[in-house]
Amino acid sequence: MESGPAIFAAVAFGLFGAALLVWTGVRTAHRSPVAAGVSPATAAALTTLAGVVSLALGVWCLTRV
């Protein structure tokens, strides 16, 4: 019974992290702003970091199943 919430959290973190990384990559490749009012390098670095951390949390949740 306890593996259900862990799998759900892993999928949620994984989907969010992957989507954030893809979105950041596309915006950076088109030289579009990633975040309004922030330097492009800082915004890309922070969103990439958030995406990687989210993916890592998803993997961590799967290891707890």
PDB file of N, CA and C in Angstrom:
ATOM      1  N   MET A   1       0.806  -1.194   0.000  1.00  0.00           N
ATOM      2  CA  MET A   1       0.000   0.000   0.000  1.00  0.00           C
ATOM      3  C   MET A   1       0.850   1.259   0.000  1.00  0.00           C
ATOM      4  N   GLU A   2       2.014   1.222   0.604  1.00  0.00           N
ATOM      5  CA  GLU A   2       2.823   2.428   0.680  1.00  0.00           C
ATOM      6  C   GLU A   2       3.591   2.706  -0.604  1.00  0.00           C
ATOM      7  N   SER A   3       3.645   1.748  -1.522  1.00  0.00           N
ATOM      8  CA  SER A   3       4.389   1.984  -2.754  1.00  0.00           C
ATOM      9  C   SER A   3       3.596   2.838  -3.729  1.00  0.00           C
ATOM     10  N   GLY A   4       2.280   2.871  -3.617  1.00  0.00           N
ATOM     11  CA  GLY A   4       1.451   3.676  -4.512  1.00  0.00           C
ATOM     12  C   GLY A   4       1.792   5.163  -4.468  1.00  0.00           C
ATOM     13  N   PRO A   5       1.803   5.779  -3.278  1.00  0.00           N
ATOM     14  CA  PRO A   5       2.160   7.193  -3.213  1.00  0.00           C
ATOM     15  C   PRO A   5       3.597   7.470  -3.663  1.00  0.00           C
ATOM     16  N   ALA A   6       4.514   6.555  -3.388  1.00  0.00           N
ATOM     17  CA  ALA A   6       5.904   6.765  -3.811  1.00  0.00           C
ATOM     18  C   ALA A   6       6.014   6.731  -5.327  1.00  0.00           C
ATOM     19  N   ILE A   7       5.285   5.821  -5.956  1.00  0.00           N
ATOM     20  CA  ILE A   7       5.308   5.756  -7.419  1.00  0.00           C
ATOM     21  C   ILE A   7       4.660   6.997  -8.010  1.00  0.00           C
ATOM     22  N   PHE A   8       3.542   7.440  -7.427  1.00  0.00           N
ATOM     23  CA  PHE A   8       2.886   8.648  -7.909  1.00  0.00           C
ATOM     24  C   PHE A   8       3.808   9.860  -7.789  1.00  0.00           C
ATOM     25  N   ALA A   9       4.474  10.011  -6.652  1.00  0.00           N
ATOM     26  CA  ALA A   9       5.388  11.133  -6.459  1.00  0.00           C
ATOM     27  C   ALA A   9       6.559  11.056  -7.429  1.00  0.00           C
ATOM     28  N   ALA A  10       7.073   9.854  -7.664  1.00  0.00           N
ATOM     29  CA  ALA A  10       8.186   9.694  -8.598  1.00  0.00           C
ATOM     30  C   ALA A  10       7.786  10.096 -10.006  1.00  0.00           C
ATOM     31  N   VAL A  11       6.600   9.685 -10.423  1.00  0.00           N
ATOM     32  CA  VAL A  11       6.126  10.046 -11.764  1.00  0.00           C
ATOM     33  C   VAL A  11       5.898  11.550 -11.863  1.00  0.00           C
ATOM     34  N   ALA A  12       5.311  12.137 -10.827  1.00  0.00           N
ATOM     35  CA  ALA A  12       5.060  13.580 -10.844  1.00  0.00           C
ATOM     36  C   ALA A  12       6.373  14.362 -10.904  1.00  0.00           C
ATOM     37  N   PHE A  13       7.331  14.004 -10.056  1.00  0.00           N
ATOM     38  CA  PHE A  13       8.624  14.685 -10.084  1.00  0.00           C
ATOM     39  C   PHE A  13       9.328  14.471 -11.418  1.00  0.00           C
ATOM     40  N   GLY A  14       9.284  13.249 -11.930  1.00  0.00           N
ATOM     41  CA  GLY A  14       9.952  12.948 -13.187  1.00  0.00           C
ATOM     42  C   GLY A  14       9.362  13.703 -14.363  1.00  0.00           C
ATOM     43  N   LEU A  15       8.041  13.726 -14.453  1.00  0.00           N
ATOM     44  CA  LEU A  15       7.403  14.459 -15.543  1.00  0.00           C
ATOM     45  C   LEU A  15       7.679  15.955 -15.453  1.00  0.00           C
ATOM     46  N   PHE A  16       7.596  16.503 -14.253  1.00  0.00           N
ATOM     47  CA  PHE A  16       7.867  17.932 -14.093  1.00  0.00           C
ATOM     48  C   PHE A  16       9.308  18.264 -14.451  1.00  0.00           C
ATOM     49  N   GLY A  17      10.248  17.464 -13.955  1.00  0.00           N
ATOM     50  CA  GLY A  17      11.659  17.718 -14.241  1.00  0.00           C
ATOM     51  C   GLY A  17      11.983  17.603 -15.713  1.00  0.00           C
ATOM     52  N   ALA A  18      11.453  16.562 -16.358  1.00  0.00           N
ATOM     53  CA  ALA A  18      11.707  16.385 -17.789  1.00  0.00           C
ATOM     54  C   ALA A  18      11.085  17.514 -18.603  1.00  0.00           C
ATOM     55  N   ALA A  19       9.860  17.892 -18.272  1.00  0.00           N
ATOM     56  CA  ALA A  19       9.205  18.979 -18.995  1.00  0.00           C
ATOM     57  C   ALA A  19       9.948  20.302 -18.795  1.00  0.00           C
ATOM     58  N   LEU A  20      10.408  20.554 -17.594  1.00  0.00           N
ATOM     59  CA  LEU A  20      11.141  21.786 -17.323  1.00  0.00           C
ATOM     60  C   LEU A  20      12.458  21.825 -18.093  1.00  0.00           C
ATOM     61  N   LEU A  21      13.157  20.697 -18.159  1.00  0.00           N
ATOM     62  CA  LEU A  21      14.414  20.652 -18.910  1.00  0.00           C
ATOM     63  C   LEU A  21      14.175  20.826 -20.405  1.00  0.00           C
ATOM     64  N   VAL A  22      13.136  20.188 -20.936  1.00  0.00           N
ATOM     65  CA  VAL A  22      12.833  20.341 -22.368  1.00  0.00           C
ATOM     66  C   VAL A  22      12.434  21.776 -22.668  1.00  0.00           C
ATOM     67  N   TRP A  23      11.574  22.350 -21.844  1.00  0.00           N
ATOM     68  CA  TRP A  23      11.123  23.724 -22.054  1.00  0.00           C
ATOM     69  C   TRP A  23      12.297  24.701 -21.996  1.00  0.00           C
ATOM     70  N   THR A  24      13.169  24.519 -21.026  1.00  0.00           N
ATOM     71  CA  THR A  24      14.338  25.394 -20.908  1.00  0.00           C
ATOM     72  C   THR A  24      15.249  25.245 -22.119  1.00  0.00           C
ATOM     73  N   GLY A  25      15.457  24.018 -22.566  1.00  0.00           N
ATOM     74  CA  GLY A  25      16.301  23.790 -23.730  1.00  0.00           C
ATOM     75  C   GLY A  25      15.749  24.428 -24.990  1.00  0.00           C
ATOM     76  N   VAL A  26      14.447  24.312 -25.190  1.00  0.00           N
ATOM     77  CA  VAL A  26      13.828  24.907 -26.381  1.00  0.00           C
ATOM     78  C   VAL A  26      13.900  26.424 -26.317  1.00  0.00           C
ATOM     79  N   ARG A  27      13.583  26.992 -25.160  1.00  0.00           N
ATOM     80  CA  ARG A  27      13.638  28.457 -25.024  1.00  0.00           C
ATOM     81  C   ARG A  27      15.065  28.972 -25.221  1.00  0.00           C
ATOM     82  N   THR A  28      16.043  28.246 -24.696  1.00  0.00           N
ATOM     83  CA  THR A  28      17.435  28.668 -24.835  1.00  0.00           C
ATOM     84  C   THR A  28      17.898  28.527 -26.284  1.00  0.00           C
ATOM     85  N   ALA A  29      17.496  27.453 -26.953  1.00  0.00           N
ATOM     86  CA  ALA A  29      17.894  27.242 -28.345  1.00  0.00           C
ATOM     87  C   ALA A  29      17.320  28.316 -29.269  1.00  0.00           C
ATOM     88  N   HIS A  30      16.122  28.796 -28.962  1.00  0.00           N
ATOM     89  CA  HIS A  30      15.511  29.854 -29.774  1.00  0.00           C
ATOM     90  C   HIS A  30      15.902  31.249 -29.311  1.00  0.00           C
ATOM     91  N   ARG A  31      16.760  31.303 -28.331  1.00  0.00           N
ATOM     92  CA  ARG A  31      17.210  32.579 -27.737  1.00  0.00           C
ATOM     93  C   ARG A  31      16.038  33.425 -27.228  1.00  0.00           C
ATOM     94  N   SER A  32      15.028  32.749 -26.717  1.00  0.00           N
ATOM     95  CA  SER A  32      13.891  33.415 -26.094  1.00  0.00           C
ATOM     96  C   SER A  32      14.151  33.513 -24.599  1.00  0.00           C
ATOM     97  N   PRO A  33      13.553  34.490 -23.927  1.00  0.00           N
ATOM     98  CA  PRO A  33      13.773  34.591 -22.482  1.00  0.00           C
ATOM     99  C   PRO A  33      13.160  33.412 -21.737  1.00  0.00           C
ATOM    100  N   VAL A  34      13.900  32.897 -20.786  1.00  0.00           N
ATOM    101  CA  VAL A  34      13.419  31.786 -19.970  1.00  0.00           C
ATOM    102  C   VAL A  34      12.550  32.319 -18.837  1.00  0.00           C
ATOM    103  N   ALA A  35      12.926  33.448 -18.283  1.00  0.00           N
ATOM    104  CA  ALA A  35      12.150  34.101 -17.224  1.00  0.00           C
ATOM    105  C   ALA A  35      12.190  35.605 -17.451  1.00  0.00           C
ATOM    106  N   ALA A  36      11.109  36.263 -17.169  1.00  0.00           N
ATOM    107  CA  ALA A  36      11.024  37.704 -17.392  1.00  0.00           C
ATOM    108  C   ALA A  36      11.796  38.462 -16.324  1.00  0.00           C
ATOM    109  N   GLY A  37      12.595  39.414 -16.748  1.00  0.00           N
ATOM    110  CA  GLY A  37      13.303  40.272 -15.827  1.00  0.00           C
ATOM    111  C   GLY A  37      14.565  39.697 -15.218  1.00  0.00           C
ATOM    112  N   VAL A  38      15.032  38.570 -15.718  1.00  0.00           N
ATOM    113  CA  VAL A  38      16.229  37.921 -15.182  1.00  0.00           C
ATOM    114  C   VAL A  38      17.202  37.742 -16.336  1.00  0.00           C
ATOM    115  N   SER A  39      18.492  37.802 -16.044  1.00  0.00           N
ATOM    116  CA  SER A  39      19.462  37.594 -17.105  1.00  0.00           C
ATOM    117  C   SER A  39      19.310  36.183 -17.680  1.00  0.00           C
ATOM    118  N   PRO A  40      19.480  36.027 -18.988  1.00  0.00           N
ATOM    119  CA  PRO A  40      19.258  34.711 -19.613  1.00  0.00           C
ATOM    120  C   PRO A  40      20.132  33.604 -19.039  1.00  0.00           C
ATOM    121  N   ALA A  41      21.378  33.899 -18.721  1.00  0.00           N
ATOM    122  CA  ALA A  41      22.268  32.868 -18.183  1.00  0.00           C
ATOM    123  C   ALA A  41      21.806  32.410 -16.800  1.00  0.00           C
ATOM    124  N   THR A  42      21.411  33.339 -15.962  1.00  0.00           N
ATOM    125  CA  THR A  42      20.945  32.992 -14.621  1.00  0.00           C
ATOM    126  C   THR A  42      19.649  32.195 -14.676  1.00  0.00           C
ATOM    127  N   ALA A  43      18.723  32.631 -15.514  1.00  0.00           N
ATOM    128  CA  ALA A  43      17.442  31.936 -15.627  1.00  0.00           C
ATOM    129  C   ALA A  43      17.638  30.518 -16.150  1.00  0.00           C
ATOM    130  N   ALA A  44      18.476  30.362 -17.165  1.00  0.00           N
ATOM    131  CA  ALA A  44      18.708  29.024 -17.719  1.00  0.00           C
ATOM    132  C   ALA A  44      19.391  28.122 -16.693  1.00  0.00           C
ATOM    133  N   ALA A  45      20.342  28.668 -15.965  1.00  0.00           N
ATOM    134  CA  ALA A  45      21.047  27.857 -14.973  1.00  0.00           C
ATOM    135  C   ALA A  45      20.122  27.422 -13.844  1.00  0.00           C
ATOM    136  N   LEU A  46      19.311  28.332 -13.344  1.00  0.00           N
ATOM    137  CA  LEU A  46      18.418  27.994 -12.234  1.00  0.00           C
ATOM    138  C   LEU A  46      17.312  27.026 -12.645  1.00  0.00           C
ATOM    139  N   THR A  47      16.747  27.210 -13.844  1.00  0.00           N
ATOM    140  CA  THR A  47      15.703  26.288 -14.271  1.00  0.00           C
ATOM    141  C   THR A  47      16.282  24.911 -14.596  1.00  0.00           C
ATOM    142  N   THR A  48      17.490  24.869 -15.119  1.00  0.00           N
ATOM    143  CA  THR A  48      18.144  23.583 -15.355  1.00  0.00           C
ATOM    144  C   THR A  48      18.411  22.881 -14.031  1.00  0.00           C
ATOM    145  N   LEU A  49      18.880  23.629 -13.059  1.00  0.00           N
ATOM    146  CA  LEU A  49      19.121  23.057 -11.730  1.00  0.00           C
ATOM    147  C   LEU A  49      17.821  22.523 -11.124  1.00  0.00           C
ATOM    148  N   ALA A  50      16.740  23.280 -11.254  1.00  0.00           N
ATOM    149  CA  ALA A  50      15.452  22.832 -10.714  1.00  0.00           C
ATOM    150  C   ALA A  50      14.971  21.570 -11.423  1.00  0.00           C
ATOM    151  N   GLY A  51      15.178  21.482 -12.727  1.00  0.00           N
ATOM    152  CA  GLY A  51      14.789  20.288 -13.467  1.00  0.00           C
ATOM    153  C   GLY A  51      15.580  19.066 -13.054  1.00  0.00           C
ATOM    154  N   VAL A  52      16.885  19.234 -12.881  1.00  0.00           N
ATOM    155  CA  VAL A  52      17.738  18.117 -12.476  1.00  0.00           C
ATOM    156  C   VAL A  52      17.396  17.668 -11.053  1.00  0.00           C
ATOM    157  N   VAL A  53      17.156  18.604 -10.165  1.00  0.00           N
ATOM    158  CA  VAL A  53      16.783  18.259  -8.789  1.00  0.00           C
ATOM    159  C   VAL A  53      15.448  17.511  -8.773  1.00  0.00           C
ATOM    160  N   SER A  54      14.513  17.956  -9.593  1.00  0.00           N
ATOM    161  CA  SER A  54      13.224  17.267  -9.658  1.00  0.00           C
ATOM    162  C   SER A  54      13.375  15.846 -10.183  1.00  0.00           C
ATOM    163  N   LEU A  55      14.176  15.658 -11.210  1.00  0.00           N
ATOM    164  CA  LEU A  55      14.426  14.308 -11.710  1.00  0.00           C
ATOM    165  C   LEU A  55      15.113  13.449 -10.652  1.00  0.00           C
ATOM    166  N   ALA A  56      16.055  14.024  -9.934  1.00  0.00           N
ATOM    167  CA  ALA A  56      16.747  13.278  -8.881  1.00  0.00           C
ATOM    168  C   ALA A  56      15.774  12.871  -7.768  1.00  0.00           C
ATOM    169  N   LEU A  57      14.849  13.746  -7.419  1.00  0.00           N
ATOM    170  CA  LEU A  57      13.837  13.400  -6.412  1.00  0.00           C
ATOM    171  C   LEU A  57      12.934  12.269  -6.905  1.00  0.00           C
ATOM    172  N   GLY A  58      12.616  12.282  -8.191  1.00  0.00           N
ATOM    173  CA  GLY A  58      11.820  11.200  -8.749  1.00  0.00           C
ATOM    174  C   GLY A  58      12.536   9.869  -8.678  1.00  0.00           C
ATOM    175  N   VAL A  59      13.815   9.870  -8.989  1.00  0.00           N
ATOM    176  CA  VAL A  59      14.613   8.643  -8.889  1.00  0.00           C
ATOM    177  C   VAL A  59      14.718   8.200  -7.438  1.00  0.00           C
ATOM    178  N   TRP A  60      14.919   9.142  -6.548  1.00  0.00           N
ATOM    179  CA  TRP A  60      15.003   8.813  -5.125  1.00  0.00           C
ATOM    180  C   TRP A  60      13.705   8.175  -4.629  1.00  0.00           C
ATOM    181  N   CYS A  61      12.565   8.733  -5.069  1.00  0.00           N
ATOM    182  CA  CYS A  61      11.280   8.144  -4.676  1.00  0.00           C
ATOM    183  C   CYS A  61      11.150   6.710  -5.187  1.00  0.00           C
ATOM    184  N   LEU A  62      11.638   6.450  -6.381  1.00  0.00           N
ATOM    185  CA  LEU A  62      11.550   5.094  -6.915  1.00  0.00           C
ATOM    186  C   LEU A  62      12.446   4.120  -6.160  1.00  0.00           C
ATOM    187  N   THR A  63      13.551   4.611  -5.610  1.00  0.00           N
ATOM    188  CA  THR A  63      14.420   3.721  -4.849  1.00  0.00           C
ATOM    189  C   THR A  63      13.800   3.353  -3.493  1.00  0.00           C
ATOM    190  N   ARG A  64      12.810   4.093  -3.046  1.00  0.00           N
ATOM    191  CA  ARG A  64      12.148   3.850  -1.766  1.00  0.00           C
ATOM    192  C   ARG A  64      10.979   2.894  -1.880  1.00  0.00           C
ATOM    193  N   VAL A  65      10.660   2.444  -3.090  1.00  0.00           N
ATOM    194  CA  VAL A  65       9.504   1.560  -3.298  1.00  0.00           C
ATOM    195  C   VAL A  65       9.811   0.194  -2.758  1.00  0.00           C
TER     196      VAL A  65
END
